[in-house]
C-alpha atoms as a PDB file:
ATOM      1  CA  MET A   1      -6.197  97.133 153.709  1.00  0.00           C
ATOM      2  CA  PRO A   2      -6.036 100.226 151.488  1.00  0.00           C
ATOM      3  CA  GLU A   3      -4.047  99.974 148.294  1.00  0.00           C
ATOM      4  CA  THR A   4      -0.937 102.095 148.169  1.00  0.00           C
ATOM      5  CA  ALA A   5       0.159 103.594 144.924  1.00  0.00           C
ATOM      6  CA  LEU A   6       3.401 102.262 143.628  1.00  0.00           C
ATOM      7  CA  PRO A   7       5.984 104.757 142.489  1.00  0.00           C
ATOM      8  CA  SER A   8       5.722 105.527 138.812  1.00  0.00           C
ATOM      9  CA  THR A   9       8.465 103.765 136.916  1.00  0.00           C
ATOM     10  CA  PRO A  10       8.766 103.706 133.172  1.00  0.00           C
ATOM     11  CA  THR A  11       7.535 100.505 131.630  1.00  0.00           C
ATOM     12  CA  PRO A  12      10.279  98.951 129.539  1.00  0.00           C
ATOM     13  CA  LEU A  13       9.585  98.832 125.838  1.00  0.00           C
ATOM     14  CA  PRO A  14       8.215  95.505 124.719  1.00  0.00           C
ATOM     15  CA  PRO A  15      11.192  93.670 123.251  1.00  0.00           C
ATOM     16  CA  ALA A  16       8.963  92.150 120.570  1.00  0.00           C
ATOM     17  CA  SER A  17       7.897  95.589 119.284  1.00  0.00           C
ATOM     18  CA  ILE A  18      11.445  96.928 119.266  1.00  0.00           C
ATOM     19  CA  ALA A  19      12.752  93.727 117.687  1.00  0.00           C
ATOM     20  CA  GLU A  20      10.083  93.873 114.975  1.00  0.00           C
ATOM     21  CA  PHE A  21      10.829  97.535 114.269  1.00  0.00           C
ATOM     22  CA  GLN A  22      14.535  96.780 113.989  1.00  0.00           C
ATOM     23  CA  ARG A  23      13.889  93.724 111.808  1.00  0.00           C
ATOM     24  CA  ARG A  24      11.924  95.922 109.443  1.00  0.00           C
ATOM     25  CA  CYS A  25      14.678  98.553 109.449  1.00  0.00           C
ATOM     26  CA  ASP A  26      17.220  95.844 108.598  1.00  0.00           C
ATOM     27  CA  VAL A  27      15.092  94.590 105.703  1.00  0.00           C
ATOM     28  CA  ILE A  28      14.701  98.100 104.309  1.00  0.00           C
ATOM     29  CA  GLU A  29      18.440  98.814 104.612  1.00  0.00           C
ATOM     30  CA  GLU A  30      19.393  95.464 103.042  1.00  0.00           C
ATOM     31  CA  SER A  31      16.997  96.089 100.167  1.00  0.00           C
ATOM     32  CA  TYR A  32      18.440  99.541  99.609  1.00  0.00           C
ATOM     33  CA  GLU A  33      21.969  98.126  99.519  1.00  0.00           C
ATOM     34  CA  PHE A  34      20.877  95.463  97.022  1.00  0.00           C
ATOM     35  CA  MET A  35      19.235  98.144  94.869  1.00  0.00           C
ATOM     36  CA  LEU A  36      22.451 100.165  94.855  1.00  0.00           C
ATOM     37  CA  ALA A  37      24.321  97.134  93.498  1.00  0.00           C
ATOM     38  CA  TYR A  38      21.552  96.401  90.978  1.00  0.00           C
ATOM     39  CA  ALA A  39      21.572  99.974  89.705  1.00  0.00           C
ATOM     40  CA  ALA A  40      25.337  99.756  89.101  1.00  0.00           C
ATOM     41  CA  GLN A  41      24.917  96.753  86.772  1.00  0.00           C
ATOM     42  CA  GLY A  42      23.499  98.780  83.882  1.00  0.00           C
ATOM     43  CA  LEU A  43      20.719  96.262  83.155  1.00  0.00           C
ATOM     44  CA  THR A  44      17.867  97.162  80.835  1.00  0.00           C
ATOM     45  CA  GLY A  45      15.523  94.832  82.674  1.00  0.00           C
ATOM     46  CA  ALA A  46      14.910  92.717  79.579  1.00  0.00           C
ATOM     47  CA  GLU A  47      17.927  90.468  80.131  1.00  0.00           C
ATOM     48  CA  GLY A  48      16.072  88.133  82.450  1.00  0.00           C
ATOM     49  CA  SER A  49      19.052  88.111  84.800  1.00  0.00           C
ATOM     50  CA  PRO A  50      18.861  86.268  88.117  1.00  0.00           C
ATOM     51  CA  SER A  51      19.396  89.564  89.895  1.00  0.00           C
ATOM     52  CA  GLY A  52      16.113  90.814  88.384  1.00  0.00           C
ATOM     53  CA  GLY A  53      14.203  88.137  90.300  1.00  0.00           C
ATOM     54  CA  GLN A  54      16.203  88.900  93.432  1.00  0.00           C
ATOM     55  CA  LEU A  55      15.400  92.581  92.987  1.00  0.00           C
ATOM     56  CA  ARG A  56      11.675  91.867  92.958  1.00  0.00           C
ATOM     57  CA  GLU A  57      12.075  89.740  96.085  1.00  0.00           C
ATOM     58  CA  GLN A  58      14.035  92.496  97.836  1.00  0.00           C
ATOM     59  CA  LEU A  59      11.538  95.185  96.809  1.00  0.00           C
ATOM     60  CA  THR A  60       8.623  93.018  97.947  1.00  0.00           C
ATOM     61  CA  ARG A  61      10.298  92.412 101.315  1.00  0.00           C
ATOM     62  CA  ALA A  62      10.953  96.159 101.645  1.00  0.00           C
ATOM     63  CA  ALA A  63       7.336  96.960 100.773  1.00  0.00           C
ATOM     64  CA  ASP A  64       6.142  94.500 103.419  1.00  0.00           C
ATOM     65  CA  ALA A  65       8.513  96.079 105.965  1.00  0.00           C
ATOM     66  CA  LEU A  66       7.245  99.568 105.095  1.00  0.00           C
ATOM     67  CA  SER A  67       3.608  98.611 105.485  1.00  0.00           C
ATOM     68  CA  ALA A  68       2.199 100.024 108.753  1.00  0.00           C
ATOM     69  CA  LEU A  69       5.686 101.017 109.942  1.00  0.00           C
ATOM     70  CA  GLY A  70       4.246 104.174 111.491  1.00  0.00           C
ATOM     71  CA  ASP A  71       1.686 102.118 113.415  1.00  0.00           C
ATOM     72  CA  LEU A  72       4.464  99.973 114.825  1.00  0.00           C
ATOM     73  CA  LEU A  73       6.313 103.081 116.004  1.00  0.00           C
ATOM     74  CA  THR A  74       3.086 104.264 117.641  1.00  0.00           C
ATOM     75  CA  THR A  75       2.938 100.983 119.571  1.00  0.00           C
ATOM     76  CA  ILE A  76       6.492 101.534 120.767  1.00  0.00           C
ATOM     77  CA  ILE A  77       5.838 105.155 121.738  1.00  0.00           C
ATOM     78  CA  ASP A  78       2.658 104.212 123.619  1.00  0.00           C
ATOM     79  CA  SER A  79       4.411 101.411 125.498  1.00  0.00           C
ATOM     80  CA  GLU A  80       6.608 103.746 127.476  1.00  0.00           C
ATOM     81  CA  PRO A  81       6.020 107.319 128.499  1.00  0.00           C
ATOM     82  CA  LEU A  82       8.644 108.788 126.191  1.00  0.00           C
ATOM     83  CA  GLU A  83       9.178 112.441 126.924  1.00  0.00           C
ATOM     84  CA  PRO A  84       8.428 114.867 125.552  1.00  0.00           C
ATOM     85  CA  ALA A  85       5.417 112.987 124.215  1.00  0.00           C
ATOM     86  CA  GLN A  86       4.527 115.668 121.679  1.00  0.00           C
ATOM     87  CA  ALA A  87       7.949 115.402 120.047  1.00  0.00           C
ATOM     88  CA  PHE A  88       7.687 111.625 119.674  1.00  0.00           C
ATOM     89  CA  GLN A  89       4.127 111.844 118.350  1.00  0.00           C
ATOM     90  CA  ALA A  90       5.109 114.511 115.832  1.00  0.00           C
ATOM     91  CA  TYR A  91       8.048 112.413 114.711  1.00  0.00           C
ATOM     92  CA  GLN A  92       5.808 109.352 114.331  1.00  0.00           C
ATOM     93  CA  ALA A  93       3.712 111.363 111.878  1.00  0.00           C
ATOM     94  CA  VAL A  94       6.838 112.226 109.878  1.00  0.00           C
ATOM     95  CA  LEU A  95       8.023 108.611 109.783  1.00  0.00           C
ATOM     96  CA  ASP A  96       4.547 107.383 108.855  1.00  0.00           C
ATOM     97  CA  ARG A  97       4.275 109.856 105.969  1.00  0.00           C
ATOM     98  CA  ASP A  98       7.761 109.062 104.667  1.00  0.00           C
ATOM     99  CA  ALA A  99       7.156 105.300 104.934  1.00  0.00           C
ATOM    100  CA  ARG A 100       3.902 105.630 102.987  1.00  0.00           C
ATOM    101  CA  ASN A 101       5.629 107.723 100.307  1.00  0.00           C
ATOM    102  CA  ALA A 102       8.522 105.259  99.988  1.00  0.00           C
ATOM    103  CA  LEU A 103       6.037 102.373  99.870  1.00  0.00           C
ATOM    104  CA  ALA A 104       4.133 104.036  97.015  1.00  0.00           C
ATOM    105  CA  ALA A 105       7.386 104.476  95.064  1.00  0.00           C
ATOM    106  CA  ALA A 106       8.422 100.848  95.655  1.00  0.00           C
ATOM    107  CA  GLN A 107       4.990  99.586  94.603  1.00  0.00           C
ATOM    108  CA  LEU A 108       5.146 101.675  91.430  1.00  0.00           C
ATOM    109  CA  VAL A 109       8.486 100.110  90.496  1.00  0.00           C
ATOM    110  CA  LEU A 110       7.207  96.619  91.351  1.00  0.00           C
ATOM    111  CA  ALA A 111       4.219  97.164  89.054  1.00  0.00           C
ATOM    112  CA  GLN A 112       6.498  97.521  86.022  1.00  0.00           C
ATOM    113  CA  PRO A 113       6.884  94.464  83.765  1.00  0.00           C
ATOM    114  CA  THR A 114      10.642  95.035  83.554  1.00  0.00           C
ATOM    115  CA  ILE A 115      12.841  96.866  86.009  1.00  0.00           C
ATOM    116  CA  SER A 116      15.966  98.441  84.592  1.00  0.00           C
ATOM    117  CA  SER A 117      19.008  99.541  86.507  1.00  0.00           C
ATOM    118  CA  GLN A 118      18.127 103.128  85.577  1.00  0.00           C
ATOM    119  CA  LEU A 119      14.664 102.772  87.109  1.00  0.00           C
ATOM    120  CA  VAL A 120      16.172 101.405  90.321  1.00  0.00           C
ATOM    121  CA  ASP A 121      18.767 104.181  90.325  1.00  0.00           C
ATOM    122  CA  ASN A 122      15.918 106.705  90.158  1.00  0.00           C
ATOM    123  CA  LEU A 123      14.148 104.941  93.030  1.00  0.00           C
ATOM    124  CA  ASN A 124      17.365 105.009  95.060  1.00  0.00           C
ATOM    125  CA  ALA A 125      17.707 108.725  94.418  1.00  0.00           C
ATOM    126  CA  SER A 126      14.094 109.386  95.365  1.00  0.00           C
ATOM    127  CA  ILE A 127      13.771 111.926  98.145  1.00  0.00           C
ATOM    128  CA  HIS A 128      11.043 109.711  99.599  1.00  0.00           C
ATOM    129  CA  LEU A 129      13.359 106.750 100.082  1.00  0.00           C
ATOM    130  CA  ARG A 130      16.239 108.885 101.321  1.00  0.00           C
ATOM    131  CA  ALA A 131      14.020 110.705 103.813  1.00  0.00           C
ATOM    132  CA  LEU A 132      12.765 107.374 105.127  1.00  0.00           C
ATOM    133  CA  LEU A 133      16.290 105.994 105.571  1.00  0.00           C
ATOM    134  CA  THR A 134      17.289 109.112 107.493  1.00  0.00           C
ATOM    135  CA  ASP A 135      14.147 108.786 109.636  1.00  0.00           C
ATOM    136  CA  LEU A 136      15.062 105.193 110.459  1.00  0.00           C
ATOM    137  CA  PHE A 137      18.658 106.053 111.362  1.00  0.00           C
ATOM    138  CA  LEU A 138      17.444 108.833 113.677  1.00  0.00           C
ATOM    139  CA  ILE A 139      14.800 106.832 115.545  1.00  0.00           C
ATOM    140  CA  ASP A 140      17.061 103.774 115.762  1.00  0.00           C
ATOM    141  CA  GLU A 141      19.684 105.861 117.524  1.00  0.00           C
ATOM    142  CA  ILE A 142      17.079 107.219 119.945  1.00  0.00           C
ATOM    143  CA  LEU A 143      15.639 103.784 120.707  1.00  0.00           C
ATOM    144  CA  LYS A 144      19.019 102.189 121.389  1.00  0.00           C
ATOM    145  CA  GLY A 145      19.192 101.009 124.938  1.00  0.00           C
ATOM    146  CA  ARG A 146      15.434 101.273 125.545  1.00  0.00           C
ATOM    147  CA  GLY A 147      14.796  97.535 125.578  1.00  0.00           C
ATOM    148  CA  GLU A 148      16.215  94.112 124.968  1.00  0.00           C
ATOM    149  CA  GLY A 149      17.277  93.304 121.465  1.00  0.00           C
ATOM    150  CA  VAL A 150      18.207  96.891 120.700  1.00  0.00           C
ATOM    151  CA  ARG A 151      21.236  97.171 118.496  1.00  0.00           C
END
């Protein structure tokens, strides 16, 4: 019996990939919000405040979430024939570049022996971090409704 071709239907996005992408977005957004509050405290970094330890934890979590974020988006894009493909692939390159830039800035701050509120305020104002946040808001809106677990 000859095989008949099934009609082409889009494969749903793997919920695990979408869920992981959104988990990472949440971590990055939560870290940014924490950094905003930290920057407002006016700490020199030498006080040894509990929020200094929390800041390092938040920045480390954000750095982990940023790592290979572009690769994760590639997995999502490749899982479903998103059209136009060229637009999604071009956007993946933008997100990947911005994530790498934001990661480098976060790692630079983490490498400092003390982290002042002013240093965190400068990180928050960094065009690299702001571009990344905007990238995440844009792709999150596009991915809504494309799989289970989507916000």
